[in-house]
Protein backbone atom coordinates (compact mmCIF):
# COMPACT_ATOMS: atom_id res chain seq x y z
CA MET A 1 0.00 0.00 0.00
CA THR A 2 1.36 3.38 -0.98
CA ARG A 3 0.69 6.27 1.38
CA LYS A 4 0.79 9.82 0.08
CA ILE A 5 3.54 11.80 1.80
CA PRO A 6 2.14 15.10 3.18
CA SER A 7 3.83 18.30 2.27
CA CYS A 8 4.14 19.17 5.98
CA ILE A 9 6.35 16.55 7.62
CA SER A 10 7.40 17.99 10.96
CA LEU A 11 5.84 19.65 13.98
CA LEU A 12 7.97 22.70 13.26
CA THR A 13 6.61 23.17 9.77
CA ILE A 14 3.04 22.00 10.25
CA ALA A 15 2.00 25.38 11.65
CA LEU A 16 3.22 27.02 8.47
CA CYS A 17 0.87 24.80 6.46
CA LEU A 18 -2.19 25.82 8.46
CA THR A 19 -4.46 28.63 7.37
CA PRO A 20 -4.45 31.76 9.55
CA ALA A 21 -7.81 30.63 10.97
CA ALA A 22 -6.50 27.19 11.87
CA ARG A 23 -3.37 28.64 13.46
CA ALA A 24 -5.54 30.98 15.53
CA GLN A 25 -7.75 28.12 16.70
CA ALA A 26 -4.74 26.11 17.86
CA THR A 27 -3.33 28.90 20.03
CA LEU A 28 -6.14 30.43 22.09
CA GLN A 29 -4.68 32.25 25.09
CA PRO A 30 -6.59 33.24 28.27
CA HIS A 31 -7.01 36.88 29.32
CA THR A 32 -8.54 37.84 32.66
CA LEU A 33 -10.45 41.12 32.46
CA THR A 34 -11.64 43.08 35.47
CA TYR A 35 -14.85 44.93 34.67
CA ALA A 36 -15.94 46.05 38.17
CA PRO A 37 -14.46 45.93 41.68
CA GLY A 38 -14.07 42.27 42.59
CA LYS A 39 -15.56 41.07 39.27
CA SER A 40 -13.72 39.61 36.29
CA ILE A 41 -14.14 37.34 33.30
CA THR A 42 -11.50 35.15 31.65
CA LEU A 43 -11.74 34.89 27.86
CA SER A 44 -9.43 33.01 25.50
CA LEU A 45 -8.56 34.22 22.01
CA PRO A 46 -5.75 33.82 19.44
CA SER A 47 -2.29 34.54 20.77
CA GLY A 48 -1.68 37.41 18.34
CA LEU A 49 -4.62 39.40 19.69
CA ASP A 50 -5.41 41.26 22.89
CA ILE A 51 -8.73 42.17 24.54
CA ASN A 52 -9.86 45.01 26.80
CA VAL A 53 -13.10 46.16 28.39
CA ALA A 54 -13.93 49.35 26.48
CA ALA A 55 -17.22 50.21 28.22
CA SER A 56 -19.38 48.80 31.01
CA GLY A 57 -22.70 49.31 32.74
CA LEU A 58 -24.83 49.11 29.55
CA ARG A 59 -28.01 47.14 30.24
CA ARG A 60 -28.40 44.30 27.71
CA VAL A 61 -26.19 46.03 25.15
CA ARG A 62 -26.77 44.60 21.67
CA PHE A 63 -25.73 45.80 18.17
CA PHE A 64 -23.51 48.54 16.76
CA ALA A 65 -23.70 50.91 13.82
CA GLN A 66 -21.15 53.51 12.79
CA ALA A 67 -22.51 56.85 11.63
CA PRO A 68 -21.06 58.55 8.52
CA ASP A 69 -19.19 60.95 10.83
CA GLY A 70 -17.41 57.97 12.42
CA ARG A 71 -19.26 57.99 15.75
CA ILE A 72 -20.22 54.60 17.14
CA PHE A 73 -23.83 53.92 18.14
CA VAL A 74 -25.04 50.85 20.04
CA THR A 75 -28.45 49.64 21.21
CA GLY A 76 -29.43 48.50 24.69
CA MET A 77 -32.56 46.44 25.39
CA TYR A 78 -32.40 46.94 29.19
CA ASN A 79 -33.41 43.36 30.13
CA LEU A 80 -34.90 40.15 28.76
CA ALA A 81 -38.53 41.18 29.26
CA ASP A 82 -40.69 42.97 26.72
CA ASN A 83 -40.14 46.53 27.94
CA ASN A 84 -40.13 50.22 27.04
CA GLN A 85 -36.82 51.01 28.73
CA GLY A 86 -34.42 50.42 25.85
CA SER A 87 -31.85 52.95 24.68
CA VAL A 88 -29.57 53.99 21.86
CA PHE A 89 -26.14 55.04 23.11
CA ILE A 90 -23.24 56.91 21.50
CA LEU A 91 -19.76 55.78 22.51
CA ASP A 92 -17.56 58.87 22.67
CA GLY A 93 -14.10 59.93 23.80
CA TRP A 94 -12.00 56.98 22.66
CA ASP A 95 -8.73 56.74 24.61
CA GLU A 96 -6.15 54.93 22.51
CA ARG A 97 -3.88 54.46 25.52
CA THR A 98 -6.40 52.75 27.81
CA HIS A 99 -8.59 51.34 25.02
CA THR A 100 -11.72 52.71 26.66
CA PHE A 101 -14.52 55.13 25.83
CA ALA A 102 -14.49 58.16 28.13
CA HIS A 103 -18.25 58.59 28.18
CA VAL A 104 -21.51 57.18 26.91
CA THR A 105 -24.20 59.52 25.58
CA HIS A 106 -27.88 58.57 25.72
CA TYR A 107 -29.10 59.42 22.22
CA LEU A 108 -32.57 57.93 22.74
CA ASP A 109 -34.33 56.35 25.72
CA HIS A 110 -37.69 54.76 26.59
CA LEU A 111 -37.67 52.52 23.53
CA ARG A 112 -39.45 49.21 23.08
CA ASN A 113 -36.76 46.55 22.67
CA PRO A 114 -34.33 48.24 20.23
CA ASN A 115 -32.24 45.38 18.82
CA ASN A 116 -30.15 47.10 16.15
CA LEU A 117 -29.93 50.20 13.97
CA ALA A 118 -28.52 51.32 10.62
CA PHE A 119 -27.53 54.52 8.82
CA TYR A 120 -28.14 55.60 5.24
CA THR A 121 -27.19 58.84 3.47
CA GLU A 122 -29.19 59.98 0.47
CA PRO A 123 -27.23 60.87 -2.68
CA ALA A 124 -26.28 64.53 -2.74
CA THR A 125 -27.51 66.84 -5.48
CA ALA A 126 -26.34 70.22 -6.71
CA LEU A 127 -28.97 71.91 -4.56
CA HIS A 128 -29.15 69.63 -1.51
CA PRO A 129 -26.52 67.76 0.46
CA GLY A 130 -27.42 64.17 1.10
CA GLN A 131 -29.54 63.77 4.22
CA THR A 132 -28.41 61.03 6.62
CA TRP A 133 -31.06 58.87 8.30
CA LEU A 134 -30.89 56.58 11.32
CA TYR A 135 -33.16 53.53 11.01
CA LEU A 136 -34.36 51.99 14.27
CA PRO A 137 -36.56 48.86 14.40
CA LEU A 138 -38.62 48.42 17.56
CA THR A 139 -40.96 45.58 18.44
CA ASP A 140 -44.01 47.42 17.12
CA ARG A 141 -42.66 49.69 14.36
CA LEU A 142 -39.73 50.74 12.19
CA LEU A 143 -38.65 54.36 12.71
CA ARG A 144 -36.23 56.63 10.92
CA TYR A 145 -34.69 59.81 12.35
CA LYS A 146 -32.84 62.60 10.59
CA TYR A 147 -29.20 62.59 11.64
CA THR A 148 -26.75 65.48 11.43
CA PRO A 149 -23.07 64.92 12.24
CA GLY A 150 -22.42 65.65 15.89
CA ASP A 151 -26.03 65.19 17.04
CA ASN A 152 -26.42 63.99 20.61
CA ALA A 153 -30.19 63.64 20.29
CA PRO A 154 -32.66 63.60 17.40
CA SER A 155 -33.52 67.06 16.09
CA ALA A 156 -37.04 66.09 14.99
CA PRO A 157 -39.67 63.43 15.66
CA PRO A 158 -39.20 60.16 13.75
CA GLN A 159 -41.02 58.97 10.68
CA VAL A 160 -42.87 55.66 11.05
CA LEU A 161 -42.06 53.50 8.02
CA MET A 162 -43.66 50.20 9.01
CA ARG A 163 -45.69 48.67 11.84
CA PHE A 164 -45.35 45.15 13.22
CA PRO A 165 -47.62 42.84 15.22
CA ASP A 166 -46.34 43.31 18.75
CA TYR A 167 -47.53 40.39 20.81
CA GLY A 168 -46.63 36.72 21.18
CA LEU A 169 -46.61 33.67 23.36
CA ASN A 170 -45.51 33.91 26.96
CA TYR A 171 -42.19 32.17 27.57
CA LYS A 172 -44.05 29.59 29.69
CA TYR A 173 -45.68 28.48 26.42
CA GLY A 174 -42.58 28.55 24.23
CA GLY A 175 -41.94 32.26 23.87
CA TRP A 176 -41.87 34.65 20.94
CA HIS A 177 -39.33 36.83 19.18
CA LEU A 178 -39.76 40.51 19.90
CA THR A 179 -36.66 41.75 18.07
CA ARG A 180 -36.67 43.30 14.59
CA THR A 181 -33.52 43.82 12.54
CA VAL A 182 -32.66 46.33 9.82
CA ALA A 183 -29.88 46.59 7.24
CA VAL A 184 -29.24 48.82 4.22
CA ALA A 185 -27.78 47.21 1.11
CA THR A 186 -27.20 48.09 -2.52
CA LEU A 187 -27.91 45.04 -4.66
CA HIS A 188 -28.36 44.89 -8.42
CA GLY A 189 -28.05 48.65 -8.71
CA GLN A 190 -30.75 49.51 -6.17
CA THR A 191 -30.49 50.52 -2.51
CA HIS A 192 -33.09 49.04 -0.20
CA VAL A 193 -33.77 48.85 3.51
CA TYR A 194 -34.10 45.20 4.58
CA ILE A 195 -36.08 44.14 7.65
CA ALA A 196 -36.15 40.80 9.44
CA ALA A 197 -38.86 39.91 11.95
CA GLY A 198 -38.88 36.80 14.13
CA SER A 199 -41.68 34.32 14.70
CA SER A 200 -44.50 34.67 17.24
CA CYS A 201 -43.82 31.22 18.67
CA ASN A 202 -41.33 28.39 18.86
CA TYR A 203 -43.08 26.05 16.40
CA CYS A 204 -46.43 26.92 14.82
CA ARG A 205 -48.26 28.13 11.76
CA GLU A 206 -48.22 31.92 11.74
CA ARG A 207 -51.23 34.21 11.40
CA GLU A 208 -49.44 37.37 10.25
CA VAL A 209 -47.41 37.66 7.07
CA ILE A 210 -44.44 39.57 8.54
CA ARG A 211 -43.63 36.89 11.11
CA ALA A 212 -40.48 34.84 10.42
CA SER A 213 -39.77 36.86 7.28
CA LEU A 214 -37.48 39.19 5.37
CA SER A 215 -38.99 42.26 3.72
CA SER A 216 -37.63 45.33 1.99
CA MET A 217 -38.53 48.91 1.13
CA ASP A 218 -37.04 51.95 -0.52
CA PRO A 219 -35.11 54.18 1.91
CA ASP A 220 -38.15 56.48 2.26
CA GLY A 221 -40.40 53.55 3.22
CA SER A 222 -42.14 53.18 -0.13
CA HIS A 223 -42.42 50.04 -2.29
CA GLN A 224 -42.56 47.61 0.61
CA GLN A 225 -42.15 43.98 -0.41
CA LEU A 226 -42.04 40.57 1.18
CA LEU A 227 -38.83 38.88 0.06
CA ALA A 228 -38.59 35.65 2.05
CA GLN A 229 -40.52 33.60 4.58
CA GLY A 230 -39.65 30.70 6.85
CA LEU A 231 -36.73 32.49 8.56
CA ARG A 232 -37.64 31.71 12.16
CA ASN A 233 -35.46 34.30 13.86
CA ALA A 234 -32.89 36.14 11.72
CA VAL A 235 -31.49 38.40 14.44
CA ASP A 236 -28.68 39.89 12.36
CA LEU A 237 -28.54 41.06 8.77
CA ALA A 238 -25.27 42.32 7.31
CA TYR A 239 -24.27 43.63 3.91
CA VAL A 240 -20.70 42.59 3.08
CA GLU A 241 -19.19 44.65 0.27
CA GLY A 242 -16.08 42.48 -0.03
CA LEU A 243 -17.81 39.22 -1.00
CA ASP A 244 -19.52 38.27 -4.27
CA GLY A 245 -19.62 41.88 -5.44
CA GLY A 246 -21.59 42.82 -2.31
CA ALA A 247 -23.76 40.30 -0.49
CA LEU A 248 -26.49 40.23 2.14
CA PHE A 249 -26.11 37.64 4.91
CA ALA A 250 -28.31 36.57 7.83
CA THR A 251 -27.89 34.55 10.99
CA ASN A 252 -30.92 32.43 11.90
CA MET A 253 -32.03 30.29 14.84
CA GLY A 254 -33.75 26.91 14.67
CA ASP A 255 -36.61 25.87 16.95
CA ASP A 256 -36.51 24.14 20.32
CA HIS A 257 -38.79 21.08 20.24
CA LEU A 258 -36.42 18.50 18.72
CA GLY A 259 -34.13 17.92 21.69
CA ASP A 260 -30.60 18.99 22.54
CA LYS A 261 -28.92 17.92 19.28
CA LEU A 262 -31.35 19.30 16.68
CA PRO A 263 -31.93 21.44 14.73
CA GLU A 264 -28.73 23.11 13.58
CA ASP A 265 -28.75 26.89 13.56
CA THR A 266 -28.11 28.46 10.18
CA PHE A 267 -26.25 31.19 8.32
CA PHE A 268 -27.57 32.25 4.91
CA GLU A 269 -26.34 34.30 1.98
CA LEU A 270 -29.65 35.81 0.95
CA ASP A 271 -28.53 37.65 -2.17
CA SER A 272 -25.43 39.06 -3.86
CA ASN A 273 -24.53 41.16 -6.86
CA ASP A 274 -22.40 38.43 -8.44
CA HIS A 275 -24.75 35.54 -7.70
CA PRO A 276 -28.40 36.62 -7.46
CA GLY A 277 -29.94 34.74 -4.54
CA PRO A 278 -33.43 33.39 -3.85
CA VAL A 279 -34.77 36.74 -2.66
CA TRP A 280 -33.61 38.68 -5.72
CA SER A 281 -36.31 37.62 -8.17
CA VAL A 282 -39.03 38.93 -5.87
CA HIS A 283 -37.89 42.55 -6.26
CA LYS A 284 -40.21 44.46 -8.54
CA ALA A 285 -38.42 46.16 -11.43
CA ALA A 286 -35.07 44.70 -10.39
CA PRO A 287 -32.57 44.99 -13.28
CA VAL A 288 -31.68 41.67 -14.81
CA PRO A 289 -28.00 40.73 -14.32
CA PRO A 290 -26.05 39.36 -17.28
CA GLY A 291 -26.63 35.68 -17.91
CA VAL A 292 -30.01 35.54 -16.14
CA ASP A 293 -33.11 34.65 -18.15
CA PRO A 294 -35.35 37.75 -17.99
CA MET A 295 -38.40 35.52 -18.42
CA LYS A 296 -37.73 34.03 -14.99
CA VAL A 297 -37.67 37.28 -13.04
CA ASN A 298 -39.85 40.29 -12.24
CA ASP A 299 -42.92 38.05 -12.29
CA LEU A 300 -45.10 39.42 -9.51
CA THR A 301 -46.75 36.00 -9.18
CA ILE A 302 -43.47 34.48 -7.97
CA PRO A 303 -43.99 33.68 -4.28
CA PRO A 304 -41.27 34.67 -1.85
CA PRO A 305 -38.78 31.86 -1.25
CA ASN A 306 -39.47 29.83 1.88
CA TYR A 307 -36.44 29.00 4.00
CA GLY A 308 -38.30 26.14 5.64
CA TRP A 309 -39.57 26.99 9.10
CA PRO A 310 -41.71 25.57 10.62
CA ALA A 311 -41.85 22.52 8.35
CA CYS A 312 -38.12 22.09 7.67
CA TYR A 313 -35.10 22.07 9.93
CA PHE A 314 -31.39 21.58 9.23
CA ALA A 315 -29.40 18.48 10.16
CA HIS A 316 -25.91 17.75 8.82
CA SER A 317 -26.24 21.03 6.89
CA LYS A 318 -29.26 19.77 4.92
CA PRO A 319 -32.96 20.66 5.23
CA VAL A 320 -35.11 17.87 6.69
CA LEU A 321 -38.90 17.65 6.85
CA ASP A 322 -40.19 17.90 10.42
CA THR A 323 -42.95 15.35 11.07
CA THR A 324 -43.89 16.81 14.46
CA PRO A 325 -47.58 17.82 14.36
CA LEU A 326 -48.05 21.57 14.46
CA PRO A 327 -49.77 22.70 17.68
CA ASN A 328 -53.05 24.54 17.79
CA MET A 329 -52.38 28.18 18.62
CA PRO A 330 -54.16 29.70 21.67
CA THR A 331 -57.13 31.94 21.05
CA ILE A 332 -57.35 35.65 21.80
CA GLY A 333 -57.54 36.24 25.54
CA ASP A 334 -55.79 32.98 26.42
CA PRO A 335 -53.24 33.39 29.27
CA ALA A 336 -50.59 32.08 26.90
CA TYR A 337 -50.77 35.52 25.29
CA THR A 338 -52.13 37.85 27.91
CA ALA A 339 -49.41 37.05 30.45
CA GLU A 340 -46.87 38.65 28.15
CA GLY A 341 -46.70 42.35 27.40
CA PRO A 342 -44.44 45.41 27.63
CA ASP A 343 -43.56 46.70 31.07
CA GLY A 344 -45.66 49.70 31.97
CA ALA A 345 -48.36 49.03 29.35
CA PRO A 346 -51.88 50.02 30.45
CA PRO A 347 -54.26 47.22 31.51
CA GLY A 348 -55.73 45.44 28.54
CA ALA A 349 -53.21 46.87 26.06
CA LEU A 350 -51.90 43.47 24.99
CA LYS A 351 -55.38 41.99 24.55
CA ASN A 352 -56.35 45.00 22.44
CA ALA A 353 -53.18 44.57 20.33
CA ILE A 354 -54.00 40.92 19.68
CA ALA A 355 -57.59 41.69 18.81
CA THR A 356 -56.56 44.49 16.45
CA SER A 357 -53.98 42.31 14.72
CA ALA A 358 -56.46 39.45 14.39
CA LYS A 359 -58.92 41.76 12.65
CA ALA A 360 -56.38 43.47 10.40
CA ASP A 361 -52.82 42.28 9.87
CA PRO A 362 -50.76 45.52 9.84
CA ASN A 363 -48.74 44.14 6.93
CA ALA A 364 -51.54 42.56 4.92
CA ASN A 365 -50.42 44.61 1.91
CA LEU A 366 -47.38 42.32 1.69
CA GLY A 367 -49.37 39.11 1.22
CA THR A 368 -50.37 36.31 3.54
CA ALA A 369 -48.63 33.98 5.95
CA PRO A 370 -47.52 30.85 4.06
CA ALA A 371 -48.83 27.35 4.53
CA PRO A 372 -46.16 25.03 5.98
CA LEU A 373 -44.07 23.31 3.34
CA THR A 374 -44.79 19.66 2.55
CA THR A 375 -41.32 19.05 1.14
CA CYS A 376 -37.92 20.62 1.75
CA LYS A 377 -36.51 20.10 -1.74
CA ASP A 378 -36.79 23.80 -2.61
CA ALA A 379 -35.62 25.19 0.71
CA PRO A 380 -32.54 27.37 0.05
CA ALA A 381 -29.20 25.89 1.08
CA ALA A 382 -27.44 27.18 4.17
CA TYR A 383 -24.08 28.91 3.75
CA THR A 384 -23.01 27.11 6.92
CA THR A 385 -24.61 25.71 10.07
CA PHE A 386 -23.84 25.72 13.78
CA ALA A 387 -24.48 23.22 16.56
CA ALA A 388 -28.07 23.10 17.77
CA HIS A 389 -29.11 25.94 20.09
CA SER A 390 -25.88 27.90 19.56
CA SER A 391 -28.06 30.97 18.87
CA PRO A 392 -26.05 32.89 16.24
CA LEU A 393 -26.43 36.65 16.54
CA GLY A 394 -23.97 39.27 15.28
CA MET A 395 -21.49 38.79 12.46
CA ALA A 396 -18.58 40.58 10.83
CA TYR A 397 -16.43 39.79 7.81
CA PHE A 398 -12.69 40.47 7.66
CA GLY A 399 -11.26 40.50 4.14
CA ASP A 400 -7.76 41.09 2.85
CA GLY A 401 -5.33 42.93 5.07
CA ASN A 402 -6.21 41.05 8.25
CA PRO A 403 -3.26 38.82 9.21
CA THR A 404 -5.16 36.79 11.82
CA LEU A 405 -8.70 37.07 10.48
CA HIS A 406 -7.79 37.02 6.80
CA ASN A 407 -10.90 36.40 4.65
CA THR A 408 -13.03 34.98 7.45
CA PHE A 409 -16.33 35.59 9.19
CA LEU A 410 -16.76 35.93 12.91
CA VAL A 411 -20.18 35.07 14.33
CA ALA A 412 -21.27 35.61 17.93
CA LEU A 413 -22.93 32.46 19.25
CA HIS A 414 -25.07 33.77 22.08
CA GLY A 415 -25.50 30.34 23.63
CA ALA A 416 -28.19 27.78 24.41
CA GLY A 417 -31.12 28.95 26.50
CA HIS A 418 -30.53 25.84 28.59
CA PRO A 419 -26.80 26.24 29.32
CA ARG A 420 -26.42 22.57 30.30
CA ILE A 421 -26.53 21.87 26.53
CA GLY A 422 -23.20 23.69 26.29
CA THR A 423 -23.44 24.96 22.71
CA GLY A 424 -22.65 28.55 21.75
CA TYR A 425 -21.25 31.00 24.31
CA ARG A 426 -18.31 31.85 22.02
CA LEU A 427 -17.25 33.53 18.81
CA ALA A 428 -17.00 31.16 15.87
CA GLN A 429 -14.78 31.72 12.84
CA PHE A 430 -15.05 30.28 9.33
CA SER A 431 -13.98 31.18 5.82
CA PRO A 432 -16.12 31.32 2.69
CA ALA A 433 -13.85 28.63 1.28
CA ASP A 434 -14.30 25.91 3.94
CA ARG A 435 -17.38 27.17 5.85
CA THR A 436 -16.46 25.03 8.86
CA PRO A 437 -16.97 26.99 12.10
CA HIS A 438 -14.38 26.65 14.84
CA ASP A 439 -13.70 28.42 18.11
CA PHE A 440 -12.20 31.89 18.05
CA LEU A 441 -13.13 33.39 21.44
CA THR A 442 -14.22 31.23 24.38
CA GLY A 443 -14.78 31.47 28.14
CA PHE A 444 -18.34 32.80 28.31
CA LEU A 445 -19.53 29.42 29.68
CA THR A 446 -17.68 27.00 31.94
CA PHE A 447 -18.69 23.91 33.91
CA THR A 448 -18.00 23.46 37.61
CA SER A 449 -18.63 19.97 39.02
CA GLY A 450 -20.71 19.30 35.92
CA LYS A 451 -22.90 22.37 36.38
CA PRO A 452 -22.87 25.20 33.81
CA VAL A 453 -21.77 28.67 34.86
CA ILE A 454 -22.62 31.57 32.54
CA HIS A 455 -19.96 34.28 32.65
CA GLY A 456 -21.14 36.31 29.67
CA ARG A 457 -22.97 36.12 26.32
CA PRO A 458 -21.51 37.56 23.09
CA CYS A 459 -23.90 39.46 20.85
CA GLY A 460 -22.93 42.19 18.34
CA LEU A 461 -19.71 42.93 16.43
CA LEU A 462 -18.34 46.00 14.69
CA ARG A 463 -15.20 45.80 12.59
CA LEU A 464 -12.95 48.84 13.07
CA GLY A 465 -9.76 47.97 11.21
CA PRO A 466 -7.29 45.14 10.49
CA ASP A 467 -7.90 42.39 13.06
CA THR A 468 -9.67 45.01 15.22
CA PHE A 469 -13.29 45.01 16.34
CA LEU A 470 -15.76 45.72 19.13
CA LEU A 471 -17.93 43.04 20.72
CA THR A 472 -20.95 43.43 22.98
CA ASP A 473 -21.76 41.17 25.93
CA ASP A 474 -25.46 41.57 26.69
CA HIS A 475 -25.24 39.43 29.85
CA LEU A 476 -22.65 41.57 31.63
CA GLY A 477 -23.45 44.84 29.85
CA LEU A 478 -19.90 45.14 28.52
CA ILE A 479 -18.21 46.18 25.30
CA TYR A 480 -14.92 44.46 24.51
CA PHE A 481 -12.18 45.86 22.28
CA ILE A 482 -10.22 43.14 20.42
CA HIS A 483 -7.07 44.21 18.59
CA PRO A 484 -3.56 43.03 17.59
CA ARG A 485 -1.03 42.76 20.40
CA PRO A 486 1.52 45.59 20.38
């Protein structure tokens, strides 16, 4: 028998044959960070990088966005309950010596569960400079505010671009997804605002069309369209200019009724300029890219692609038909609904919201909620998958010019709701070439005498420069600064 001789034949040289990502995985080094008197967390990351606590004391801090003037904004959802105490913060006064922000400005307060935000600047004309807008999705509506460089608070009331059904199952009955997510992307020559909304339940047939979906609109809120359904909980959307001519990606969570090992959580490339994805053909009047049959696009009878939920789940990176019978949803007034509502809401507000939505879906102009699939053969393929219940949230892509993170994604795996499962609670790294996630930053969950101990939960990322980024921890209310070692 002839065995092929590998090109790497010694321990000394094998490291040179590894990709930057593989080398990083093999050399995670612990760092103990003090974030308050007598309190610390130990996190492990690649040996070429360092980590600092850049800000603290931010209640359930979530996702970042960088304004055109370079200022860094971040959302805070206050706590896990449906509440009206969320905020948008501005991180100001960066100290390069201490790697900390000197102060945090409250840009907006008293918000209902602000998960993320995005900026967009209109094209300038000879008569008018381009106006910048801040887009802010809340549980019940999508807002946009005028933004002027240097603003520490909005200068005018917001415009309401879209409304959402704002109720769901109490966590005792499986829970619902109260976050909404927004991203701005230019695909196929057109700039749109993209919105993801999670499901109203763990596993059910939806009543309202916007649940578990992706939709889009023009930046001013016009021409709203439903682009995809069956995305159970796409908590992050990100437009990556450096891949496939510009591409829109989403993280997505599977449901919770199939045990500890299933289903896999997913990561999708929804559309790109180089390779039009499943959502592209739904766009009205979308220009036809070269090589695409124009007879197969711009047909308004084409239904939005269905990514599978609730009928399909992912196992071994493939969609599988779920044979679990769908439950009957509770009726209006059932405690499964009425026990859940925003903090401080007047008595009966939730029941009224349910009744109103049942009579008139606020997004009925977009279509109807889909019937569950009966086969998974047309469910779009996942870009990659993660272990069950990892709960992928924020993502960032690092292209050329990043020695450690060269051409790889980082995804924050928030962690299993039942920590004994042990999945998530880390940053995962993978490249578009191999799409195999591996550990990049660990230490948010440990086990003591077989019992899980949650130390933190990673959430949102913002790339700042080569191998440099910010990371939120919505369990401890911290922002970490990760950067090359000096």
